[in-house]
Amino acid sequence: MARDRRVDALERELGRYRKKVHDQREEIKQLREQLESVYAGSGQLQSATDALLAQTAIAYGIHVEDDDGKSLGFRLHLPLYDIAETLGRYEVTARKSFDGDGYTVGVFPREEEEAQDGVKS
C-alpha cells in the first residue's frame, strides 16, 4: 500500500515534469520564431541603412577615380558621432516627398528638457 502511494506520487511528479518539458519546448519554438523574425528585420534595417548611405554619398559625396580615370564610386566623409548623444539632441523625421520623387528628411533640435533626458516626452 505504501509502495502504491509512492508509485502514484512518482507518476504525478513525472507527469508534472513531462508537462513542464512540453511547455518549455513550446516556448522555445515560439522564441525561435521570434528570433527568426527579428533576424529578418535586422537584415532589412541593414539594407535600408546601406541604401540611405549610398544615396547620400551619391548625392553629396565626391566622385572618386583611380589613377587611370576609372570610376571607383563616391566618397562622403562624416565626422565621428555618438548615437545616443545625437538622437538625444535632435529629433529625426523622414517621409516620402509630396511630389513622390524622393524622401524628405528633417532634423530638428529637441526641446531643452527632451535633450537632457534623451527621450521624447
PDB file of N, CA and C in Angstrom:
ATOM      1  N   MET A   1       0.795  -1.186   0.000  1.00  0.00           N
ATOM      2  CA  MET A   1       0.000   0.000   0.000  1.00  0.00           C
ATOM      3  C   MET A   1       0.850   1.268   0.000  1.00  0.00           C
ATOM      4  N   ALA A   2       1.841   1.323   0.876  1.00  0.00           N
ATOM      5  CA  ALA A   2       2.748   2.470   0.896  1.00  0.00           C
ATOM      6  C   ALA A   2       3.501   2.545  -0.422  1.00  0.00           C
ATOM      7  N   ARG A   3       3.805   1.377  -0.947  1.00  0.00           N
ATOM      8  CA  ARG A   3       4.506   1.334  -2.230  1.00  0.00           C
ATOM      9  C   ARG A   3       3.630   1.911  -3.339  1.00  0.00           C
ATOM     10  N   ASP A   4       2.331   1.596  -3.326  1.00  0.00           N
ATOM     11  CA  ASP A   4       1.401   2.124  -4.327  1.00  0.00           C
ATOM     12  C   ASP A   4       1.311   3.643  -4.239  1.00  0.00           C
ATOM     13  N   ARG A   5       1.269   4.163  -2.988  1.00  0.00           N
ATOM     14  CA  ARG A   5       1.215   5.623  -2.825  1.00  0.00           C
ATOM     15  C   ARG A   5       2.496   6.264  -3.346  1.00  0.00           C
ATOM     16  N   ARG A   6       3.602   5.622  -3.094  1.00  0.00           N
ATOM     17  CA  ARG A   6       4.893   6.152  -3.569  1.00  0.00           C
ATOM     18  C   ARG A   6       4.929   6.141  -5.102  1.00  0.00           C
ATOM     19  N   VAL A   7       4.453   5.058  -5.721  1.00  0.00           N
ATOM     20  CA  VAL A   7       4.411   4.960  -7.181  1.00  0.00           C
ATOM     21  C   VAL A   7       3.487   6.031  -7.744  1.00  0.00           C
ATOM     22  N   ASP A   8       2.310   6.209  -7.091  1.00  0.00           N
ATOM     23  CA  ASP A   8       1.377   7.254  -7.548  1.00  0.00           C
ATOM     24  C   ASP A   8       2.015   8.634  -7.467  1.00  0.00           C
ATOM     25  N   ALA A   9       2.722   8.911  -6.383  1.00  0.00           N
ATOM     26  CA  ALA A   9       3.383  10.208  -6.208  1.00  0.00           C
ATOM     27  C   ALA A   9       4.449  10.410  -7.280  1.00  0.00           C
ATOM     28  N   LEU A  10       5.209   9.377  -7.560  1.00  0.00           N
ATOM     29  CA  LEU A  10       6.245   9.471  -8.592  1.00  0.00           C
ATOM     30  C   LEU A  10       5.635   9.659  -9.976  1.00  0.00           C
ATOM     31  N   GLU A  11       4.498   8.989 -10.238  1.00  0.00           N
ATOM     32  CA  GLU A  11       3.827   9.157 -11.522  1.00  0.00           C
ATOM     33  C   GLU A  11       3.301  10.584 -11.680  1.00  0.00           C
ATOM     34  N   ARG A  12       2.747  11.160 -10.592  1.00  0.00           N
ATOM     35  CA  ARG A  12       2.292  12.548 -10.644  1.00  0.00           C
ATOM     36  C   ARG A  12       3.476  13.485 -10.884  1.00  0.00           C
ATOM     37  N   GLU A  13       4.571  13.230 -10.204  1.00  0.00           N
ATOM     38  CA  GLU A  13       5.774  14.057 -10.379  1.00  0.00           C
ATOM     39  C   GLU A  13       6.294  13.932 -11.811  1.00  0.00           C
ATOM     40  N   LEU A  14       6.296  12.729 -12.351  1.00  0.00           N
ATOM     41  CA  LEU A  14       6.728  12.516 -13.731  1.00  0.00           C
ATOM     42  C   LEU A  14       5.788  13.235 -14.698  1.00  0.00           C
ATOM     43  N   GLY A  15       4.498  13.201 -14.429  1.00  0.00           N
ATOM     44  CA  GLY A  15       3.527  13.907 -15.266  1.00  0.00           C
ATOM     45  C   GLY A  15       3.774  15.411 -15.259  1.00  0.00           C
ATOM     46  N   ARG A  16       4.047  15.973 -14.061  1.00  0.00           N
ATOM     47  CA  ARG A  16       4.358  17.401 -13.978  1.00  0.00           C
ATOM     48  C   ARG A  16       5.637  17.722 -14.744  1.00  0.00           C
ATOM     49  N   TYR A  17       6.628  16.858 -14.632  1.00  0.00           N
ATOM     50  CA  TYR A  17       7.887  17.060 -15.348  1.00  0.00           C
ATOM     51  C   TYR A  17       7.655  17.029 -16.854  1.00  0.00           C
ATOM     52  N   ARG A  18       6.869  16.062 -17.318  1.00  0.00           N
ATOM     53  CA  ARG A  18       6.589  15.968 -18.759  1.00  0.00           C
ATOM     54  C   ARG A  18       5.847  17.202 -19.256  1.00  0.00           C
ATOM     55  N   LYS A  19       4.884  17.704 -18.468  1.00  0.00           N
ATOM     56  CA  LYS A  19       4.165  18.914 -18.852  1.00  0.00           C
ATOM     57  C   LYS A  19       5.118  20.095 -18.911  1.00  0.00           C
ATOM     58  N   LYS A  20       6.006  20.194 -17.938  1.00  0.00           N
ATOM     59  CA  LYS A  20       6.977  21.292 -17.918  1.00  0.00           C
ATOM     60  C   LYS A  20       7.873  21.229 -19.145  1.00  0.00           C
ATOM     61  N   VAL A  21       8.344  20.041 -19.485  1.00  0.00           N
ATOM     62  CA  VAL A  21       9.192  19.864 -20.672  1.00  0.00           C
ATOM     63  C   VAL A  21       8.414  20.248 -21.928  1.00  0.00           C
ATOM     64  N   HIS A  22       7.173  19.820 -22.018  1.00  0.00           N
ATOM     65  CA  HIS A  22       6.333  20.164 -23.174  1.00  0.00           C
ATOM     66  C   HIS A  22       6.161  21.678 -23.272  1.00  0.00           C
ATOM     67  N   ASP A  23       5.839  22.322 -22.158  1.00  0.00           N
ATOM     68  CA  ASP A  23       5.658  23.781 -22.150  1.00  0.00           C
ATOM     69  C   ASP A  23       6.947  24.499 -22.549  1.00  0.00           C
ATOM     70  N   GLN A  24       8.076  23.995 -22.065  1.00  0.00           N
ATOM     71  CA  GLN A  24       9.358  24.610 -22.411  1.00  0.00           C
ATOM     72  C   GLN A  24       9.664  24.442 -23.894  1.00  0.00           C
ATOM     73  N   ARG A  25       9.327  23.302 -24.462  1.00  0.00           N
ATOM     74  CA  ARG A  25       9.537  23.098 -25.904  1.00  0.00           C
ATOM     75  C   ARG A  25       8.684  24.072 -26.714  1.00  0.00           C
ATOM     76  N   GLU A  26       7.437  24.272 -26.288  1.00  0.00           N
ATOM     77  CA  GLU A  26       6.563  25.221 -26.973  1.00  0.00           C
ATOM     78  C   GLU A  26       7.122  26.644 -26.868  1.00  0.00           C
ATOM     79  N   GLU A  27       7.613  27.003 -25.691  1.00  0.00           N
ATOM     80  CA  GLU A  27       8.194  28.335 -25.515  1.00  0.00           C
ATOM     81  C   GLU A  27       9.436  28.508 -26.385  1.00  0.00           C
ATOM     82  N   ILE A  28      10.279  27.491 -26.442  1.00  0.00           N
ATOM     83  CA  ILE A  28      11.474  27.544 -27.290  1.00  0.00           C
ATOM     84  C   ILE A  28      11.077  27.695 -28.757  1.00  0.00           C
ATOM     85  N   LYS A  29      10.055  26.983 -29.177  1.00  0.00           N
ATOM     86  CA  LYS A  29       9.572  27.090 -30.560  1.00  0.00           C
ATOM     87  C   LYS A  29       9.132  28.520 -30.851  1.00  0.00           C
ATOM     88  N   GLN A  30       8.357  29.119 -29.943  1.00  0.00           N
ATOM     89  CA  GLN A  30       7.899  30.496 -30.132  1.00  0.00           C
ATOM     90  C   GLN A  30       9.077  31.468 -30.141  1.00  0.00           C
ATOM     91  N   LEU A  31      10.031  31.257 -29.253  1.00  0.00           N
ATOM     92  CA  LEU A  31      11.200  32.135 -29.193  1.00  0.00           C
ATOM     93  C   LEU A  31      12.041  32.025 -30.460  1.00  0.00           C
ATOM     94  N   ARG A  32      12.153  30.837 -31.014  1.00  0.00           N
ATOM     95  CA  ARG A  32      12.884  30.659 -32.275  1.00  0.00           C
ATOM     96  C   ARG A  32      12.204  31.424 -33.405  1.00  0.00           C
ATOM     97  N   GLU A  33      10.871  31.348 -33.444  1.00  0.00           N
ATOM     98  CA  GLU A  33      10.130  32.074 -34.474  1.00  0.00           C
ATOM     99  C   GLU A  33      10.338  33.579 -34.318  1.00  0.00           C
ATOM    100  N   GLN A  34      10.300  34.055 -33.082  1.00  0.00           N
ATOM    101  CA  GLN A  34      10.541  35.481 -32.832  1.00  0.00           C
ATOM    102  C   GLN A  34      11.957  35.872 -33.236  1.00  0.00           C
ATOM    103  N   LEU A  35      12.923  35.019 -32.922  1.00  0.00           N
ATOM    104  CA  LEU A  35      14.308  35.287 -33.270  1.00  0.00           C
ATOM    105  C   LEU A  35      14.480  35.375 -34.784  1.00  0.00           C
ATOM    106  N   GLU A  36      13.854  34.458 -35.521  1.00  0.00           N
ATOM    107  CA  GLU A  36      13.927  34.493 -36.978  1.00  0.00           C
ATOM    108  C   GLU A  36      13.326  35.782 -37.522  1.00  0.00           C
ATOM    109  N   SER A  37      12.221  36.222 -36.933  1.00  0.00           N
ATOM    110  CA  SER A  37      11.581  37.465 -37.357  1.00  0.00           C
ATOM    111  C   SER A  37      12.488  38.665 -37.070  1.00  0.00           C
ATOM    112  N   VAL A  38      13.081  38.681 -35.900  1.00  0.00           N
ATOM    113  CA  VAL A  38      13.994  39.774 -35.535  1.00  0.00           C
ATOM    114  C   VAL A  38      15.217  39.768 -36.450  1.00  0.00           C
ATOM    115  N   TYR A  39      15.738  38.593 -36.736  1.00  0.00           N
ATOM    116  CA  TYR A  39      16.903  38.473 -37.620  1.00  0.00           C
ATOM    117  C   TYR A  39      16.573  39.002 -39.013  1.00  0.00           C
ATOM    118  N   ALA A  40      15.388  38.645 -39.524  1.00  0.00           N
ATOM    119  CA  ALA A  40      14.972  39.133 -40.844  1.00  0.00           C
ATOM    120  C   ALA A  40      14.812  40.656 -40.812  1.00  0.00           C
ATOM    121  N   GLY A  41      14.209  41.171 -39.750  1.00  0.00           N
ATOM    122  CA  GLY A  41      14.044  42.612 -39.612  1.00  0.00           C
ATOM    123  C   GLY A  41      15.370  43.336 -39.529  1.00  0.00           C
ATOM    124  N   SER A  42      16.327  42.719 -38.853  1.00  0.00           N
ATOM    125  CA  SER A  42      17.663  43.302 -38.741  1.00  0.00           C
ATOM    126  C   SER A  42      18.319  43.395 -40.116  1.00  0.00           C
ATOM    127  N   GLY A  43      18.158  42.372 -40.926  1.00  0.00           N
ATOM    128  CA  GLY A  43      18.708  42.395 -42.282  1.00  0.00           C
ATOM    129  C   GLY A  43      18.053  43.469 -43.134  1.00  0.00           C
ATOM    130  N   GLN A  44      16.736  43.627 -42.975  1.00  0.00           N
ATOM    131  CA  GLN A  44      16.025  44.661 -43.730  1.00  0.00           C
ATOM    132  C   GLN A  44      16.481  46.048 -43.292  1.00  0.00           C
ATOM    133  N   LEU A  45      16.671  46.220 -41.990  1.00  0.00           N
ATOM    134  CA  LEU A  45      17.142  47.506 -41.473  1.00  0.00           C
ATOM    135  C   LEU A  45      18.546  47.812 -41.991  1.00  0.00           C
ATOM    136  N   GLN A  46      19.406  46.804 -42.026  1.00  0.00           N
ATOM    137  CA  GLN A  46      20.759  46.991 -42.542  1.00  0.00           C
ATOM    138  C   GLN A  46      20.718  47.382 -44.020  1.00  0.00           C
ATOM    139  N   SER A  47      19.859  46.730 -44.792  1.00  0.00           N
ATOM    140  CA  SER A  47      19.729  47.066 -46.214  1.00  0.00           C
ATOM    141  C   SER A  47      19.216  48.491 -46.401  1.00  0.00           C
ATOM    142  N   ALA A  48      18.214  48.881 -45.611  1.00  0.00           N
ATOM    143  CA  ALA A  48      17.678  50.240 -45.705  1.00  0.00           C
ATOM    144  C   ALA A  48      18.741  51.268 -45.340  1.00  0.00           C
ATOM    145  N   THR A  49      19.518  50.982 -44.298  1.00  0.00           N
ATOM    146  CA  THR A  49      20.589  51.890 -43.881  1.00  0.00           C
ATOM    147  C   THR A  49      21.653  51.992 -44.969  1.00  0.00           C
ATOM    148  N   ASP A  50      22.053  50.860 -45.534  1.00  0.00           N
ATOM    149  CA  ASP A  50      23.048  50.869 -46.612  1.00  0.00           C
ATOM    150  C   ASP A  50      22.547  51.668 -47.815  1.00  0.00           C
ATOM    151  N   ALA A  51      21.269  51.487 -48.174  1.00  0.00           N
ATOM    152  CA  ALA A  51      20.709  52.224 -49.316  1.00  0.00           C
ATOM    153  C   ALA A  51      20.680  53.724 -49.024  1.00  0.00           C
ATOM    154  N   LEU A  52      20.316  54.100 -47.803  1.00  0.00           N
ATOM    155  CA  LEU A  52      20.300  55.516 -47.421  1.00  0.00           C
ATOM    156  C   LEU A  52      21.702  56.108 -47.478  1.00  0.00           C
ATOM    157  N   LEU A  53      22.681  55.385 -46.955  1.00  0.00           N
ATOM    158  CA  LEU A  53      24.058  55.873 -47.004  1.00  0.00           C
ATOM    159  C   LEU A  53      24.567  55.967 -48.444  1.00  0.00           C
ATOM    160  N   ALA A  54      24.219  54.981 -49.261  1.00  0.00           N
ATOM    161  CA  ALA A  54      24.650  55.009 -50.663  1.00  0.00           C
ATOM    162  C   ALA A  54      24.060  56.214 -51.381  1.00  0.00           C
ATOM    163  N   GLN A  55      22.763  56.449 -51.229  1.00  0.00           N
ATOM    164  CA  GLN A  55      22.129  57.586 -51.893  1.00  0.00           C
ATOM    165  C   GLN A  55      22.671  58.918 -51.373  1.00  0.00           C
ATOM    166  N   THR A  56      22.990  58.980 -50.091  1.00  0.00           N
ATOM    167  CA  THR A  56      23.563  60.199 -49.516  1.00  0.00           C
ATOM    168  C   THR A  56      24.947  60.464 -50.099  1.00  0.00           C
ATOM    169  N   ALA A  57      25.762  59.422 -50.197  1.00  0.00           N
ATOM    170  CA  ALA A  57      27.110  59.581 -50.764  1.00  0.00           C
ATOM    171  C   ALA A  57      27.035  59.945 -52.250  1.00  0.00           C
ATOM    172  N   ILE A  58      26.123  59.344 -52.976  1.00  0.00           N
ATOM    173  CA  ILE A  58      25.969  59.654 -54.397  1.00  0.00           C
ATOM    174  C   ILE A  58      25.532  61.110 -54.576  1.00  0.00           C
ATOM    175  N   ALA A  59      24.589  61.559 -53.749  1.00  0.00           N
ATOM    176  CA  ALA A  59      24.042  62.917 -53.891  1.00  0.00           C
ATOM    177  C   ALA A  59      25.007  63.996 -53.385  1.00  0.00           C
ATOM    178  N   TYR A  60      25.755  63.714 -52.320  1.00  0.00           N
ATOM    179  CA  TYR A  60      26.534  64.772 -51.672  1.00  0.00           C
ATOM    180  C   TYR A  60      28.025  64.485 -51.566  1.00  0.00           C
ATOM    181  N   GLY A  61      28.444  63.306 -51.987  1.00  0.00           N
ATOM    182  CA  GLY A  61      29.856  62.954 -51.906  1.00  0.00           C
ATOM    183  C   GLY A  61      30.624  63.385 -53.137  1.00  0.00           C
ATOM    184  N   ILE A  62      31.884  63.017 -53.154  1.00  0.00           N
ATOM    185  CA  ILE A  62      32.721  63.334 -54.310  1.00  0.00           C
ATOM    186  C   ILE A  62      32.917  62.062 -55.140  1.00  0.00           C
ATOM    187  N   HIS A  63      32.986  62.250 -56.425  1.00  0.00           N
ATOM    188  CA  HIS A  63      33.229  61.132 -57.332  1.00  0.00           C
ATOM    189  C   HIS A  63      34.712  60.784 -57.245  1.00  0.00           C
ATOM    190  N   VAL A  64      35.018  59.502 -57.078  1.00  0.00           N
ATOM    191  CA  VAL A  64      36.396  59.066 -56.906  1.00  0.00           C
ATOM    192  C   VAL A  64      36.803  58.209 -58.111  1.00  0.00           C
ATOM    193  N   GLU A  65      37.999  58.500 -58.652  1.00  0.00           N
ATOM    194  CA  GLU A  65      38.535  57.728 -59.773  1.00  0.00           C
ATOM    195  C   GLU A  65      39.920  57.224 -59.412  1.00  0.00           C
ATOM    196  N   ASP A  66      40.330  56.131 -60.053  1.00  0.00           N
ATOM    197  CA  ASP A  66      41.696  55.650 -59.838  1.00  0.00           C
ATOM    198  C   ASP A  66      42.654  56.451 -60.726  1.00  0.00           C
ATOM    199  N   ASP A  67      43.929  56.099 -60.720  1.00  0.00           N
ATOM    200  CA  ASP A  67      44.937  56.841 -61.480  1.00  0.00           C
ATOM    201  C   ASP A  67      44.692  56.800 -62.991  1.00  0.00           C
ATOM    202  N   ASP A  68      43.983  55.775 -63.460  1.00  0.00           N
ATOM    203  CA  ASP A  68      43.686  55.643 -64.886  1.00  0.00           C
ATOM    204  C   ASP A  68      42.376  56.320 -65.280  1.00  0.00           C
ATOM    205  N   GLY A  69      41.727  56.961 -64.328  1.00  0.00           N
ATOM    206  CA  GLY A  69      40.465  57.634 -64.617  1.00  0.00           C
ATOM    207  C   GLY A  69      39.247  56.746 -64.520  1.00  0.00           C
ATOM    208  N   LYS A  70      39.452  55.513 -64.084  1.00  0.00           N
ATOM    209  CA  LYS A  70      38.322  54.587 -63.929  1.00  0.00           C
ATOM    210  C   LYS A  70      37.554  54.952 -62.656  1.00  0.00           C
ATOM    211  N   SER A  71      36.242  54.998 -62.773  1.00  0.00           N
ATOM    212  CA  SER A  71      35.383  55.370 -61.645  1.00  0.00           C
ATOM    213  C   SER A  71      35.434  54.302 -60.556  1.00  0.00           C
ATOM    214  N   LEU A  72      35.693  54.759 -59.334  1.00  0.00           N
ATOM    215  CA  LEU A  72      35.669  53.864 -58.180  1.00  0.00           C
ATOM    216  C   LEU A  72      34.379  54.002 -57.383  1.00  0.00           C
ATOM    217  N   GLY A  73      33.661  55.088 -57.616  1.00  0.00           N
ATOM    218  CA  GLY A  73      32.404  55.309 -56.890  1.00  0.00           C
ATOM    219  C   GLY A  73      32.375  56.685 -56.258  1.00  0.00           C
ATOM    220  N   PHE A  74      31.754  56.771 -55.111  1.00  0.00           N
ATOM    221  CA  PHE A  74      31.595  58.048 -54.421  1.00  0.00           C
ATOM    222  C   PHE A  74      32.102  57.921 -52.989  1.00  0.00           C
ATOM    223  N   ARG A  75      32.533  59.041 -52.448  1.00  0.00           N
ATOM    224  CA  ARG A  75      33.036  59.060 -51.085  1.00  0.00           C
ATOM    225  C   ARG A  75      32.472  60.290 -50.393  1.00  0.00           C
ATOM    226  N   LEU A  76      31.999  60.084 -49.182  1.00  0.00           N
ATOM    227  CA  LEU A  76      31.472  61.181 -48.365  1.00  0.00           C
ATOM    228  C   LEU A  76      32.019  61.003 -46.955  1.00  0.00           C
ATOM    229  N   HIS A  77      32.687  62.018 -46.462  1.00  0.00           N
ATOM    230  CA  HIS A  77      33.248  61.950 -45.111  1.00  0.00           C
ATOM    231  C   HIS A  77      32.283  62.598 -44.129  1.00  0.00           C
ATOM    232  N   LEU A  78      31.982  61.887 -43.055  1.00  0.00           N
ATOM    233  CA  LEU A  78      31.151  62.414 -41.971  1.00  0.00           C
ATOM    234  C   LEU A  78      31.977  62.387 -40.686  1.00  0.00           C
ATOM    235  N   PRO A  79      31.807  63.376 -39.833  1.00  0.00           N
ATOM    236  CA  PRO A  79      32.546  63.365 -38.572  1.00  0.00           C
ATOM    237  C   PRO A  79      32.051  62.232 -37.670  1.00  0.00           C
ATOM    238  N   LEU A  80      32.913  61.813 -36.761  1.00  0.00           N
ATOM    239  CA  LEU A  80      32.503  60.808 -35.780  1.00  0.00           C
ATOM    240  C   LEU A  80      31.379  61.383 -34.927  1.00  0.00           C
ATOM    241  N   TYR A  81      30.489  60.535 -34.478  1.00  0.00           N
ATOM    242  CA  TYR A  81      29.370  60.990 -33.662  1.00  0.00           C
ATOM    243  C   TYR A  81      28.987  59.903 -32.679  1.00  0.00           C
ATOM    244  N   ASP A  82      28.325  60.331 -31.630  1.00  0.00           N
ATOM    245  CA  ASP A  82      27.795  59.417 -30.626  1.00  0.00           C
ATOM    246  C   ASP A  82      26.301  59.265 -30.901  1.00  0.00           C
ATOM    247  N   ILE A  83      25.846  58.053 -31.121  1.00  0.00           N
ATOM    248  CA  ILE A  83      24.456  57.809 -31.495  1.00  0.00           C
ATOM    249  C   ILE A  83      23.497  58.330 -30.433  1.00  0.00           C
ATOM    250  N   ALA A  84      23.704  57.945 -29.184  1.00  0.00           N
ATOM    251  CA  ALA A  84      22.791  58.354 -28.117  1.00  0.00           C
ATOM    252  C   ALA A  84      22.773  59.873 -27.957  1.00  0.00           C
ATOM    253  N   GLU A  85      23.942  60.494 -28.024  1.00  0.00           N
ATOM    254  CA  GLU A  85      24.020  61.949 -27.878  1.00  0.00           C
ATOM    255  C   GLU A  85      23.305  62.650 -29.038  1.00  0.00           C
ATOM    256  N   THR A  86      23.553  62.175 -30.252  1.00  0.00           N
ATOM    257  CA  THR A  86      22.926  62.784 -31.423  1.00  0.00           C
ATOM    258  C   THR A  86      21.407  62.670 -31.358  1.00  0.00           C
ATOM    259  N   LEU A  87      20.906  61.477 -31.073  1.00  0.00           N
ATOM    260  CA  LEU A  87      19.457  61.292 -31.013  1.00  0.00           C
ATOM    261  C   LEU A  87      18.855  61.947 -29.780  1.00  0.00           C
ATOM    262  N   GLY A  88      19.676  62.162 -28.761  1.00  0.00           N
ATOM    263  CA  GLY A  88      19.211  62.895 -27.595  1.00  0.00           C
ATOM    264  C   GLY A  88      19.070  64.379 -27.874  1.00  0.00           C
ATOM    265  N   ARG A  89      19.897  64.909 -28.744  1.00  0.00           N
ATOM    266  CA  ARG A  89      19.880  66.341 -29.059  1.00  0.00           C
ATOM    267  C   ARG A  89      18.962  66.686 -30.221  1.00  0.00           C
ATOM    268  N   TYR A  90      18.734  65.722 -31.126  1.00  0.00           N
ATOM    269  CA  TYR A  90      17.967  66.019 -32.335  1.00  0.00           C
ATOM    270  C   TYR A  90      16.847  65.004 -32.531  1.00  0.00           C
ATOM    271  N   GLU A  91      15.765  65.491 -33.103  1.00  0.00           N
ATOM    272  CA  GLU A  91      14.658  64.635 -33.500  1.00  0.00           C
ATOM    273  C   GLU A  91      14.735  64.488 -35.015  1.00  0.00           C
ATOM    274  N   VAL A  92      14.566  63.266 -35.500  1.00  0.00           N
ATOM    275  CA  VAL A  92      14.677  62.998 -36.932  1.00  0.00           C
ATOM    276  C   VAL A  92      13.328  62.518 -37.450  1.00  0.00           C
ATOM    277  N   THR A  93      12.922  63.091 -38.572  1.00  0.00           N
ATOM    278  CA  THR A  93      11.710  62.639 -39.251  1.00  0.00           C
ATOM    279  C   THR A  93      12.073  62.329 -40.697  1.00  0.00           C
ATOM    280  N   ALA A  94      11.350  61.408 -41.288  1.00  0.00           N
ATOM    281  CA  ALA A  94      11.570  61.075 -42.700  1.00  0.00           C
ATOM    282  C   ALA A  94      10.248  60.624 -43.294  1.00  0.00           C
ATOM    283  N   ARG A  95      10.007  61.043 -44.521  1.00  0.00           N
ATOM    284  CA  ARG A  95       8.794  60.648 -45.241  1.00  0.00           C
ATOM    285  C   ARG A  95       9.038  60.806 -46.729  1.00  0.00           C
ATOM    286  N   LYS A  96       8.182  60.165 -47.500  1.00  0.00           N
ATOM    287  CA  LYS A  96       8.259  60.358 -48.951  1.00  0.00           C
ATOM    288  C   LYS A  96       7.859  61.789 -49.265  1.00  0.00           C
ATOM    289  N   SER A  97       8.528  62.369 -50.247  1.00  0.00           N
ATOM    290  CA  SER A  97       8.207  63.737 -50.664  1.00  0.00           C
ATOM    291  C   SER A  97       6.790  63.791 -51.218  1.00  0.00           C
ATOM    292  N   PHE A  98       6.170  64.961 -51.119  1.00  0.00           N
ATOM    293  CA  PHE A  98       4.810  65.124 -51.629  1.00  0.00           C
ATOM    294  C   PHE A  98       4.739  64.864 -53.122  1.00  0.00           C
ATOM    295  N   ASP A  99       5.788  65.246 -53.855  1.00  0.00           N
ATOM    296  CA  ASP A  99       5.774  65.041 -55.306  1.00  0.00           C
ATOM    297  C   ASP A  99       6.132  63.607 -55.687  1.00  0.00           C
ATOM    298  N   GLY A 100       6.520  62.807 -54.709  1.00  0.00           N
ATOM    299  CA  GLY A 100       6.771  61.392 -54.954  1.00  0.00           C
ATOM    300  C   GLY A 100       8.112  61.068 -55.581  1.00  0.00           C
ATOM    301  N   ASP A 101       9.002  62.051 -55.714  1.00  0.00           N
ATOM    302  CA  ASP A 101      10.273  61.773 -56.389  1.00  0.00           C
ATOM    303  C   ASP A 101      11.442  61.591 -55.419  1.00  0.00           C
ATOM    304  N   GLY A 102      11.160  61.471 -54.152  1.00  0.00           N
ATOM    305  CA  GLY A 102      12.253  61.292 -53.202  1.00  0.00           C
ATOM    306  C   GLY A 102      11.748  61.250 -51.773  1.00  0.00           C
ATOM    307  N   TYR A 103      12.662  61.471 -50.862  1.00  0.00           N
ATOM    308  CA  TYR A 103      12.354  61.475 -49.443  1.00  0.00           C
ATOM    309  C   TYR A 103      12.720  62.825 -48.859  1.00  0.00           C
ATOM    310  N   THR A 104      11.980  63.236 -47.859  1.00  0.00           N
ATOM    311  CA  THR A 104      12.299  64.444 -47.131  1.00  0.00           C
ATOM    312  C   THR A 104      12.706  64.036 -45.725  1.00  0.00           C
ATOM    313  N   VAL A 105      13.918  64.429 -45.342  1.00  0.00           N
ATOM    314  CA  VAL A 105      14.428  64.118 -44.016  1.00  0.00           C
ATOM    315  C   VAL A 105      14.530  65.424 -43.255  1.00  0.00           C
ATOM    316  N   GLY A 106      13.967  65.441 -42.070  1.00  0.00           N
ATOM    317  CA  GLY A 106      14.046  66.621 -41.212  1.00  0.00           C
ATOM    318  C   GLY A 106      14.821  66.301 -39.956  1.00  0.00           C
ATOM    319  N   VAL A 107      15.679  67.219 -39.550  1.00  0.00           N
ATOM    320  CA  VAL A 107      16.442  67.073 -38.302  1.00  0.00           C
ATOM    321  C   VAL A 107      16.227  68.354 -37.515  1.00  0.00           C
ATOM    322  N   PHE A 108      15.631  68.207 -36.334  1.00  0.00           N
ATOM    323  CA  PHE A 108      15.270  69.366 -35.534  1.00  0.00           C
ATOM    324  C   PHE A 108      15.831  69.241 -34.127  1.00  0.00           C
ATOM    325  N   PRO A 109      16.318  70.354 -33.569  1.00  0.00           N
ATOM    326  CA  PRO A 109      16.789  70.288 -32.179  1.00  0.00           C
ATOM    327  C   PRO A 109      15.624  69.909 -31.268  1.00  0.00           C
ATOM    328  N   ARG A 110      15.905  69.068 -30.308  1.00  0.00           N
ATOM    329  CA  ARG A 110      14.887  68.699 -29.325  1.00  0.00           C
ATOM    330  C   ARG A 110      14.728  69.845 -28.334  1.00  0.00           C
ATOM    331  N   GLU A 111      13.602  69.854 -27.669  1.00  0.00           N
ATOM    332  CA  GLU A 111      13.393  70.827 -26.602  1.00  0.00           C
ATOM    333  C   GLU A 111      14.475  70.613 -25.552  1.00  0.00           C
ATOM    334  N   GLU A 112      14.818  71.644 -24.811  1.00  0.00           N
ATOM    335  CA  GLU A 112      15.896  71.557 -23.817  1.00  0.00           C
ATOM    336  C   GLU A 112      15.669  70.407 -22.833  1.00  0.00           C
ATOM    337  N   GLU A 113      14.433  70.260 -22.348  1.00  0.00           N
ATOM    338  CA  GLU A 113      14.127  69.201 -21.394  1.00  0.00           C
ATOM    339  C   GLU A 113      14.303  67.829 -22.030  1.00  0.00           C
ATOM    340  N   GLU A 114      13.849  67.677 -23.290  1.00  0.00           N
ATOM    341  CA  GLU A 114      13.992  66.413 -24.010  1.00  0.00           C
ATOM    342  C   GLU A 114      15.453  66.093 -24.235  1.00  0.00           C
ATOM    343  N   ALA A 115      16.258  67.088 -24.591  1.00  0.00           N
ATOM    344  CA  ALA A 115      17.676  66.867 -24.884  1.00  0.00           C
ATOM    345  C   ALA A 115      18.410  66.382 -23.654  1.00  0.00           C
ATOM    346  N   GLN A 116      18.034  66.867 -22.475  1.00  0.00           N
ATOM    347  CA  GLN A 116      18.681  66.425 -21.242  1.00  0.00           C
ATOM    348  C   GLN A 116      18.328  64.980 -20.923  1.00  0.00           C
ATOM    349  N   ASP A 117      17.067  64.628 -21.139  1.00  0.00           N
ATOM    350  CA  ASP A 117      16.622  63.267 -20.863  1.00  0.00           C
ATOM    351  C   ASP A 117      17.032  62.300 -21.947  1.00  0.00           C
ATOM    352  N   GLY A 118      17.190  62.806 -23.180  1.00  0.00           N
ATOM    353  CA  GLY A 118      17.465  61.942 -24.319  1.00  0.00           C
ATOM    354  C   GLY A 118      16.237  61.174 -24.758  1.00  0.00           C
ATOM    355  N   VAL A 119      15.076  61.582 -24.218  1.00  0.00           N
ATOM    356  CA  VAL A 119      13.840  60.879 -24.518  1.00  0.00           C
ATOM    357  C   VAL A 119      12.794  61.904 -24.886  1.00  0.00           C
ATOM    358  N   LYS A 120      12.023  61.563 -25.897  1.00  0.00           N
ATOM    359  CA  LYS A 120      10.938  62.447 -26.316  1.00  0.00           C
ATOM    360  C   LYS A 120       9.804  62.332 -25.317  1.00  0.00           C
ATOM    361  N   SER A 121       9.280  63.491 -24.838  1.00  0.00           N
ATOM    362  CA  SER A 121       8.173  63.426 -23.883  1.00  0.00           C
ATOM    363  C   SER A 121       6.835  63.519 -24.559  1.00  0.00           C
TER     364      SER A 121
END
